[in-house]
Every structure is written in structure tokens, then in C-alpha cells.
């Protein structure tokens, strides 16, 4: 059961400014209206590929020309870094009382193709330096 928590702009205004709206909750039903930037970090792999694609469609539909989508994903593959990422992810979820039957990960080239097919220009920035993980930051801008 997902709960939505909205952070009031009063507390955030000195840091982020009056136009920033931060919210948490189920990304699949989040209000994506009137946004310039959407950031979804480290969670897309928890929903099936079909729902990921629906989410990408919603994001693209919400962002106008010049809009930006930022996401951090694990670069799925056979590398030891990706296996370590999954081990840590499963361990943390277990300690928090969640049971992960499956994660729906993709290689970074598949994420890039999925975003480009929706009209985004994508830049992939590796984030694994100095860590044992296979994280990649994807910055996708509407052309």
C-alpha cells in the first residue's frame, strides 16, 4: 500500500525555490501535470516491463518541448557490479520486511532505446566509480 507524502514548499523554498514540488508515492498514479522536470530514481525496476513502458509514455506525455526526465537505473547484465547491486537491493528489501519475487531490470542500451523511441534525446552517465554497483544516470530531454 503506497502512501503519498507531499513536502510543503515553505520548508523547501530556501533550498529549491517556489517552483519546486516534491512528492512521494506510487509513481504509476502520480500527478504529472504542469512539470518541467520529472525525476524517478532507483525504483523503475520494481515494476514489470509493461508498466515501465506505460510510465515512460506518461512521462513523455506530461513533458513539453524542452522537458527533462532524469532516472537512475542499474545497468542489467552479467557484470559482477550488477549482481552486487541486485544482492544489496534484495538484502535491503528483506531487512525492511519486503519480499522481492522479481526485479525487472534492463541493460542501459534498452533503457536508452525505450526513451529514444518516445522522442527523448538521452545522455547516459555512469555512476559506478568508486562503488561496487552498476548504476547509470539517464538524462532524457524532449527534442
N, C-alpha and C. Protein backbone atom coordinates (compact mmCIF):
# COMPACT_ATOMS: atom_id res chain seq x y z
N UNK A 1 0.85 -1.17 0.00
CA UNK A 1 0.00 0.00 0.00
C UNK A 1 0.89 1.23 0.00
N UNK A 2 0.83 2.00 -1.04
CA UNK A 2 1.68 3.19 -1.15
C UNK A 2 0.99 4.37 -0.49
N UNK A 3 1.77 5.17 0.20
CA UNK A 3 1.28 6.41 0.79
C UNK A 3 1.93 7.56 0.05
N UNK A 4 1.19 8.64 -0.10
CA UNK A 4 1.78 9.80 -0.74
C UNK A 4 2.12 10.83 0.32
N UNK A 5 3.32 11.32 0.25
CA UNK A 5 3.77 12.35 1.19
C UNK A 5 4.22 13.56 0.38
N UNK A 6 3.59 14.66 0.58
CA UNK A 6 3.97 15.87 -0.13
C UNK A 6 4.81 16.72 0.81
N UNK A 7 5.88 17.24 0.31
CA UNK A 7 6.74 18.13 1.08
C UNK A 7 6.28 19.56 0.82
N UNK A 8 5.95 20.28 1.85
CA UNK A 8 5.47 21.65 1.68
C UNK A 8 6.56 22.56 1.16
N UNK A 9 6.20 23.46 0.25
CA UNK A 9 7.17 24.39 -0.32
C UNK A 9 7.73 25.36 0.71
N UNK A 10 7.02 25.58 1.83
CA UNK A 10 7.52 26.50 2.85
C UNK A 10 8.89 26.04 3.35
N UNK A 11 9.02 24.75 3.64
CA UNK A 11 10.28 24.23 4.15
C UNK A 11 11.34 24.14 3.05
N UNK A 12 10.92 23.96 1.81
CA UNK A 12 11.85 23.75 0.71
C UNK A 12 12.23 25.02 -0.03
N UNK A 13 11.43 26.05 0.10
CA UNK A 13 11.65 27.26 -0.69
C UNK A 13 13.06 27.82 -0.57
N UNK A 14 13.65 27.91 0.64
CA UNK A 14 15.01 28.46 0.71
C UNK A 14 16.02 27.62 -0.08
N UNK A 15 15.77 26.32 -0.20
CA UNK A 15 16.72 25.44 -0.88
C UNK A 15 16.40 25.32 -2.36
N UNK A 16 15.15 25.05 -2.70
CA UNK A 16 14.78 24.73 -4.08
C UNK A 16 14.05 25.84 -4.82
N UNK A 17 13.49 26.78 -4.13
CA UNK A 17 12.74 27.84 -4.79
C UNK A 17 11.26 27.53 -4.84
N UNK A 18 10.45 28.51 -5.19
CA UNK A 18 9.00 28.37 -5.12
C UNK A 18 8.38 27.46 -6.19
N UNK A 19 9.11 27.15 -7.26
CA UNK A 19 8.52 26.35 -8.33
C UNK A 19 8.71 24.85 -8.15
N UNK A 20 9.41 24.44 -7.12
CA UNK A 20 9.72 23.02 -6.93
C UNK A 20 8.62 22.34 -6.13
N UNK A 21 8.20 21.18 -6.61
CA UNK A 21 7.21 20.37 -5.91
C UNK A 21 7.79 18.97 -5.79
N UNK A 22 8.01 18.51 -4.58
CA UNK A 22 8.50 17.16 -4.34
C UNK A 22 7.36 16.33 -3.78
N UNK A 23 7.24 15.10 -4.27
CA UNK A 23 6.21 14.23 -3.72
C UNK A 23 6.70 12.80 -3.77
N UNK A 24 6.16 12.00 -2.90
CA UNK A 24 6.47 10.58 -2.87
C UNK A 24 5.17 9.81 -2.95
N UNK A 25 5.25 8.60 -3.40
CA UNK A 25 4.05 7.78 -3.52
C UNK A 25 4.20 6.83 -4.69
N UNK A 26 3.11 6.31 -5.15
CA UNK A 26 3.11 5.36 -6.27
C UNK A 26 3.27 6.14 -7.57
N UNK A 27 4.43 5.97 -8.20
CA UNK A 27 4.72 6.74 -9.41
C UNK A 27 3.73 6.44 -10.53
N UNK A 28 3.11 5.27 -10.50
CA UNK A 28 2.19 4.88 -11.58
C UNK A 28 0.91 5.69 -11.59
N UNK A 29 0.59 6.35 -10.47
CA UNK A 29 -0.63 7.15 -10.40
C UNK A 29 -0.35 8.60 -10.00
N UNK A 30 0.91 8.98 -9.94
CA UNK A 30 1.29 10.34 -9.55
C UNK A 30 0.77 11.36 -10.56
N UNK A 31 0.45 12.55 -10.07
CA UNK A 31 0.03 13.66 -10.92
C UNK A 31 1.27 14.20 -11.63
N UNK A 32 1.31 14.10 -12.94
CA UNK A 32 2.45 14.56 -13.72
C UNK A 32 2.14 15.83 -14.51
N UNK A 33 1.07 16.50 -14.16
CA UNK A 33 0.67 17.70 -14.90
C UNK A 33 1.55 18.89 -14.54
N UNK A 34 1.79 19.75 -15.52
CA UNK A 34 2.46 21.03 -15.34
C UNK A 34 3.85 20.90 -14.74
N UNK A 35 4.64 19.98 -15.30
CA UNK A 35 6.01 19.77 -14.81
C UNK A 35 7.01 20.03 -15.93
N UNK A 36 8.17 20.55 -15.55
CA UNK A 36 9.27 20.76 -16.49
C UNK A 36 10.29 19.64 -16.39
N UNK A 37 10.42 19.07 -15.19
CA UNK A 37 11.39 18.00 -14.93
C UNK A 37 10.72 16.93 -14.09
N UNK A 38 10.97 15.69 -14.45
CA UNK A 38 10.49 14.55 -13.66
C UNK A 38 11.71 13.71 -13.32
N UNK A 39 11.88 13.41 -12.04
CA UNK A 39 12.99 12.56 -11.60
C UNK A 39 12.44 11.35 -10.88
N UNK A 40 12.83 10.18 -11.33
CA UNK A 40 12.44 8.92 -10.70
C UNK A 40 13.73 8.12 -10.53
N UNK A 41 14.13 7.94 -9.29
CA UNK A 41 15.44 7.34 -9.01
C UNK A 41 15.31 5.99 -8.33
N UNK A 42 15.98 5.01 -8.90
CA UNK A 42 16.18 3.70 -8.27
C UNK A 42 14.92 2.90 -7.99
N UNK A 43 13.85 3.09 -8.75
CA UNK A 43 12.64 2.32 -8.47
C UNK A 43 11.96 1.71 -9.70
N UNK A 44 12.31 2.12 -10.89
CA UNK A 44 11.61 1.60 -12.07
C UNK A 44 11.71 0.08 -12.18
N UNK A 45 12.79 -0.51 -11.68
CA UNK A 45 12.98 -1.95 -11.80
C UNK A 45 12.06 -2.76 -10.89
N UNK A 46 11.28 -2.10 -10.05
CA UNK A 46 10.34 -2.81 -9.19
C UNK A 46 9.01 -3.09 -9.86
N UNK A 47 8.76 -2.49 -11.03
CA UNK A 47 7.50 -2.74 -11.73
C UNK A 47 7.81 -3.47 -13.05
N UNK A 48 6.86 -4.31 -13.50
CA UNK A 48 7.08 -5.08 -14.74
C UNK A 48 7.36 -4.19 -15.94
N UNK A 49 8.02 -4.77 -16.94
CA UNK A 49 8.41 -4.01 -18.14
C UNK A 49 7.23 -3.29 -18.78
N UNK A 50 6.07 -3.94 -18.87
CA UNK A 50 4.91 -3.30 -19.49
C UNK A 50 4.51 -2.04 -18.71
N UNK A 51 4.57 -2.10 -17.38
CA UNK A 51 4.25 -0.92 -16.57
C UNK A 51 5.35 0.13 -16.68
N UNK A 52 6.60 -0.29 -16.83
CA UNK A 52 7.68 0.66 -17.07
C UNK A 52 7.40 1.43 -18.36
N UNK A 53 7.03 0.71 -19.40
CA UNK A 53 6.74 1.35 -20.68
C UNK A 53 5.56 2.31 -20.57
N UNK A 54 4.53 1.91 -19.83
CA UNK A 54 3.39 2.81 -19.61
C UNK A 54 3.83 4.05 -18.85
N UNK A 55 4.72 3.87 -17.89
CA UNK A 55 5.24 5.00 -17.12
C UNK A 55 6.02 5.94 -18.02
N UNK A 56 6.87 5.39 -18.89
CA UNK A 56 7.63 6.22 -19.82
C UNK A 56 6.69 6.98 -20.76
N UNK A 57 5.61 6.33 -21.20
CA UNK A 57 4.61 7.01 -22.04
C UNK A 57 3.97 8.17 -21.28
N UNK A 58 3.61 7.95 -20.01
CA UNK A 58 3.01 9.01 -19.19
C UNK A 58 3.98 10.18 -19.01
N UNK A 59 5.23 9.85 -18.74
CA UNK A 59 6.24 10.88 -18.55
C UNK A 59 6.40 11.71 -19.82
N UNK A 60 6.51 11.03 -20.96
CA UNK A 60 6.67 11.74 -22.23
C UNK A 60 5.45 12.60 -22.52
N UNK A 61 4.27 12.08 -22.23
CA UNK A 61 3.04 12.84 -22.46
C UNK A 61 2.95 14.07 -21.57
N UNK A 62 3.55 14.01 -20.39
CA UNK A 62 3.48 15.12 -19.44
C UNK A 62 4.49 16.22 -19.74
N UNK A 63 5.60 15.86 -20.35
CA UNK A 63 6.67 16.84 -20.58
C UNK A 63 6.53 17.48 -21.96
N UNK A 64 6.55 18.78 -21.96
CA UNK A 64 6.51 19.50 -23.23
C UNK A 64 7.90 19.65 -23.81
N UNK A 65 7.98 20.43 -24.86
CA UNK A 65 9.26 20.68 -25.52
C UNK A 65 10.25 21.25 -24.50
N UNK A 66 11.44 20.66 -24.48
CA UNK A 66 12.46 21.09 -23.54
C UNK A 66 12.37 20.45 -22.18
N UNK A 67 11.34 19.65 -21.93
CA UNK A 67 11.20 18.97 -20.65
C UNK A 67 12.28 17.92 -20.45
N UNK A 68 12.54 17.58 -19.20
CA UNK A 68 13.61 16.66 -18.88
C UNK A 68 13.12 15.56 -17.93
N UNK A 69 13.52 14.35 -18.22
CA UNK A 69 13.28 13.20 -17.35
C UNK A 69 14.64 12.68 -16.89
N UNK A 70 14.79 12.54 -15.59
CA UNK A 70 16.04 12.04 -15.01
C UNK A 70 15.72 10.77 -14.24
N UNK A 71 16.49 9.73 -14.51
CA UNK A 71 16.30 8.49 -13.77
C UNK A 71 17.65 7.82 -13.54
N UNK A 72 17.74 7.11 -12.44
CA UNK A 72 18.93 6.29 -12.20
C UNK A 72 18.47 4.84 -12.21
N UNK A 73 19.17 4.05 -13.00
CA UNK A 73 18.84 2.64 -13.18
C UNK A 73 20.10 1.80 -13.00
N UNK A 74 19.89 0.52 -12.74
CA UNK A 74 21.01 -0.41 -12.76
C UNK A 74 21.21 -0.90 -14.18
N UNK A 75 22.44 -0.97 -14.61
CA UNK A 75 22.75 -1.47 -15.95
C UNK A 75 22.76 -3.00 -15.90
N UNK A 76 21.63 -3.59 -16.25
CA UNK A 76 21.46 -5.04 -16.15
C UNK A 76 22.43 -5.76 -17.08
N UNK A 77 22.91 -6.85 -16.63
CA UNK A 77 23.83 -7.66 -17.41
C UNK A 77 24.50 -8.69 -16.53
N UNK A 78 25.52 -9.27 -17.02
CA UNK A 78 26.20 -10.32 -16.28
C UNK A 78 27.38 -9.81 -15.46
N UNK A 79 27.57 -8.52 -15.41
CA UNK A 79 28.73 -7.98 -14.69
C UNK A 79 28.59 -8.23 -13.19
N UNK A 80 29.72 -8.31 -12.52
CA UNK A 80 29.70 -8.51 -11.08
C UNK A 80 29.09 -7.30 -10.39
N UNK A 81 29.23 -6.11 -10.98
CA UNK A 81 28.64 -4.91 -10.39
C UNK A 81 27.12 -5.00 -10.36
N UNK A 82 26.53 -5.48 -11.45
CA UNK A 82 25.08 -5.61 -11.49
C UNK A 82 24.62 -6.67 -10.49
N UNK A 83 25.32 -7.78 -10.41
CA UNK A 83 24.97 -8.83 -9.44
C UNK A 83 25.06 -8.28 -8.02
N UNK A 84 26.08 -7.48 -7.74
CA UNK A 84 26.22 -6.87 -6.41
C UNK A 84 25.06 -5.92 -6.14
N UNK A 85 24.68 -5.13 -7.14
CA UNK A 85 23.55 -4.22 -6.99
C UNK A 85 22.29 -4.97 -6.62
N UNK A 86 22.04 -6.07 -7.31
CA UNK A 86 20.84 -6.86 -7.03
C UNK A 86 20.89 -7.48 -5.63
N UNK A 87 22.05 -7.98 -5.25
CA UNK A 87 22.20 -8.58 -3.92
C UNK A 87 21.90 -7.56 -2.83
N UNK A 88 22.45 -6.37 -2.95
CA UNK A 88 22.21 -5.33 -1.96
C UNK A 88 20.74 -4.92 -1.96
N UNK A 89 20.16 -4.74 -3.14
CA UNK A 89 18.75 -4.36 -3.26
C UNK A 89 17.85 -5.39 -2.57
N UNK A 90 18.08 -6.65 -2.86
CA UNK A 90 17.27 -7.71 -2.23
C UNK A 90 17.49 -7.77 -0.72
N UNK A 91 18.72 -7.58 -0.28
CA UNK A 91 19.03 -7.62 1.16
C UNK A 91 18.33 -6.49 1.90
N UNK A 92 18.41 -5.29 1.35
CA UNK A 92 17.74 -4.15 2.00
C UNK A 92 16.24 -4.35 2.04
N UNK A 93 15.66 -4.82 0.94
CA UNK A 93 14.22 -5.07 0.90
C UNK A 93 13.83 -6.12 1.93
N UNK A 94 14.63 -7.16 2.07
CA UNK A 94 14.34 -8.22 3.04
C UNK A 94 14.37 -7.66 4.47
N UNK A 95 15.39 -6.87 4.78
CA UNK A 95 15.51 -6.28 6.12
C UNK A 95 14.33 -5.34 6.40
N UNK A 96 13.83 -4.67 5.39
CA UNK A 96 12.69 -3.77 5.55
C UNK A 96 11.35 -4.52 5.59
N UNK A 97 11.41 -5.84 5.45
CA UNK A 97 10.19 -6.64 5.53
C UNK A 97 9.47 -6.85 4.21
N UNK A 98 10.13 -6.55 3.11
CA UNK A 98 9.52 -6.74 1.79
C UNK A 98 10.10 -8.00 1.15
N UNK A 99 9.31 -8.65 0.38
CA UNK A 99 9.78 -9.82 -0.36
C UNK A 99 9.77 -9.50 -1.84
N UNK A 100 10.94 -9.49 -2.43
CA UNK A 100 11.05 -9.22 -3.87
C UNK A 100 11.07 -10.55 -4.61
N UNK A 101 9.99 -10.86 -5.27
CA UNK A 101 9.98 -12.09 -6.06
C UNK A 101 10.77 -11.92 -7.34
N UNK A 102 10.76 -10.70 -7.84
CA UNK A 102 11.45 -10.44 -9.10
C UNK A 102 11.71 -8.95 -9.24
N UNK A 103 12.76 -8.62 -9.97
CA UNK A 103 13.02 -7.25 -10.38
C UNK A 103 13.07 -7.25 -11.90
N UNK A 104 12.60 -6.18 -12.51
CA UNK A 104 12.52 -6.08 -13.96
C UNK A 104 13.57 -5.08 -14.44
N UNK A 105 14.78 -5.54 -14.53
CA UNK A 105 15.92 -4.71 -14.90
C UNK A 105 16.15 -4.80 -16.41
N UNK A 106 16.84 -3.80 -16.93
CA UNK A 106 17.19 -3.75 -18.35
C UNK A 106 18.63 -3.26 -18.49
N UNK A 107 19.30 -3.68 -19.54
CA UNK A 107 20.61 -3.07 -19.84
C UNK A 107 20.41 -1.61 -20.23
N UNK A 108 21.42 -0.80 -20.03
CA UNK A 108 21.29 0.63 -20.29
C UNK A 108 20.95 0.90 -21.76
N UNK A 109 21.42 0.08 -22.69
CA UNK A 109 21.09 0.32 -24.09
C UNK A 109 19.59 0.12 -24.34
N UNK A 110 18.94 -0.78 -23.61
CA UNK A 110 17.49 -0.96 -23.76
C UNK A 110 16.73 0.22 -23.17
N UNK A 111 17.20 0.75 -22.03
CA UNK A 111 16.58 1.96 -21.47
C UNK A 111 16.71 3.11 -22.46
N UNK A 112 17.88 3.26 -23.03
CA UNK A 112 18.12 4.34 -23.98
C UNK A 112 17.21 4.20 -25.19
N UNK A 113 17.10 2.99 -25.74
CA UNK A 113 16.22 2.76 -26.89
C UNK A 113 14.77 3.06 -26.55
N UNK A 114 14.33 2.65 -25.37
CA UNK A 114 12.94 2.90 -24.96
C UNK A 114 12.66 4.39 -24.87
N UNK A 115 13.60 5.15 -24.35
CA UNK A 115 13.42 6.60 -24.24
C UNK A 115 13.51 7.28 -25.60
N UNK A 116 14.47 6.88 -26.42
CA UNK A 116 14.60 7.48 -27.75
C UNK A 116 13.38 7.19 -28.61
N UNK A 117 12.78 6.02 -28.46
CA UNK A 117 11.58 5.68 -29.22
C UNK A 117 10.41 6.60 -28.87
N UNK A 118 10.50 7.26 -27.72
CA UNK A 118 9.45 8.18 -27.28
C UNK A 118 9.81 9.64 -27.55
N UNK A 119 10.88 9.86 -28.30
CA UNK A 119 11.24 11.21 -28.69
C UNK A 119 12.21 11.92 -27.76
N UNK A 120 12.85 11.20 -26.87
CA UNK A 120 13.84 11.80 -25.99
C UNK A 120 15.22 11.73 -26.61
N UNK A 121 16.05 12.72 -26.31
CA UNK A 121 17.49 12.64 -26.56
C UNK A 121 18.09 12.23 -25.23
N UNK A 122 18.89 11.17 -25.22
CA UNK A 122 19.33 10.56 -23.97
C UNK A 122 20.84 10.67 -23.80
N UNK A 123 21.22 11.01 -22.59
CA UNK A 123 22.63 11.02 -22.20
C UNK A 123 22.76 10.08 -21.00
N UNK A 124 23.66 9.11 -21.10
CA UNK A 124 23.88 8.15 -20.02
C UNK A 124 25.19 8.47 -19.31
N UNK A 125 25.12 8.64 -18.00
CA UNK A 125 26.30 8.95 -17.21
C UNK A 125 26.54 7.82 -16.21
N UNK A 126 27.62 7.07 -16.36
CA UNK A 126 27.93 6.01 -15.39
C UNK A 126 28.11 6.61 -13.99
N UNK A 127 27.60 5.90 -13.00
CA UNK A 127 27.69 6.37 -11.62
C UNK A 127 28.34 5.32 -10.72
N UNK A 128 29.12 4.43 -11.29
CA UNK A 128 29.68 3.32 -10.54
C UNK A 128 31.08 3.57 -9.99
N UNK A 129 31.71 4.64 -10.41
CA UNK A 129 33.09 4.88 -9.98
C UNK A 129 33.19 4.90 -8.47
N UNK A 130 34.10 4.09 -7.95
CA UNK A 130 34.31 4.04 -6.51
C UNK A 130 33.28 3.24 -5.75
N UNK A 131 32.36 2.59 -6.45
CA UNK A 131 31.34 1.75 -5.79
C UNK A 131 31.33 0.37 -6.43
N UNK A 132 30.71 -0.59 -5.77
CA UNK A 132 30.58 -1.91 -6.37
C UNK A 132 29.29 -2.07 -7.18
N UNK A 133 28.62 -0.98 -7.52
CA UNK A 133 27.30 -1.05 -8.15
C UNK A 133 27.35 -0.71 -9.64
N UNK A 134 26.25 -1.01 -10.33
CA UNK A 134 26.15 -0.81 -11.78
C UNK A 134 25.16 0.31 -12.11
N UNK A 135 25.22 1.41 -11.37
CA UNK A 135 24.26 2.49 -11.56
C UNK A 135 24.63 3.40 -12.72
N UNK A 136 23.58 3.83 -13.44
CA UNK A 136 23.72 4.76 -14.56
C UNK A 136 22.64 5.82 -14.43
N UNK A 137 23.03 7.08 -14.56
CA UNK A 137 22.09 8.17 -14.56
C UNK A 137 21.71 8.44 -16.01
N UNK A 138 20.41 8.44 -16.30
CA UNK A 138 19.93 8.76 -17.64
C UNK A 138 19.27 10.13 -17.60
N UNK A 139 19.74 11.03 -18.44
CA UNK A 139 19.16 12.34 -18.57
C UNK A 139 18.51 12.38 -19.95
N UNK A 140 17.19 12.44 -19.96
CA UNK A 140 16.42 12.36 -21.21
C UNK A 140 15.70 13.68 -21.42
N UNK A 141 16.01 14.35 -22.53
CA UNK A 141 15.38 15.64 -22.83
C UNK A 141 14.48 15.50 -24.04
N UNK A 142 13.35 16.17 -23.98
CA UNK A 142 12.42 16.17 -25.11
C UNK A 142 13.05 17.02 -26.20
N UNK A 143 13.14 16.45 -27.39
CA UNK A 143 13.77 17.16 -28.52
C UNK A 143 12.92 18.33 -28.95
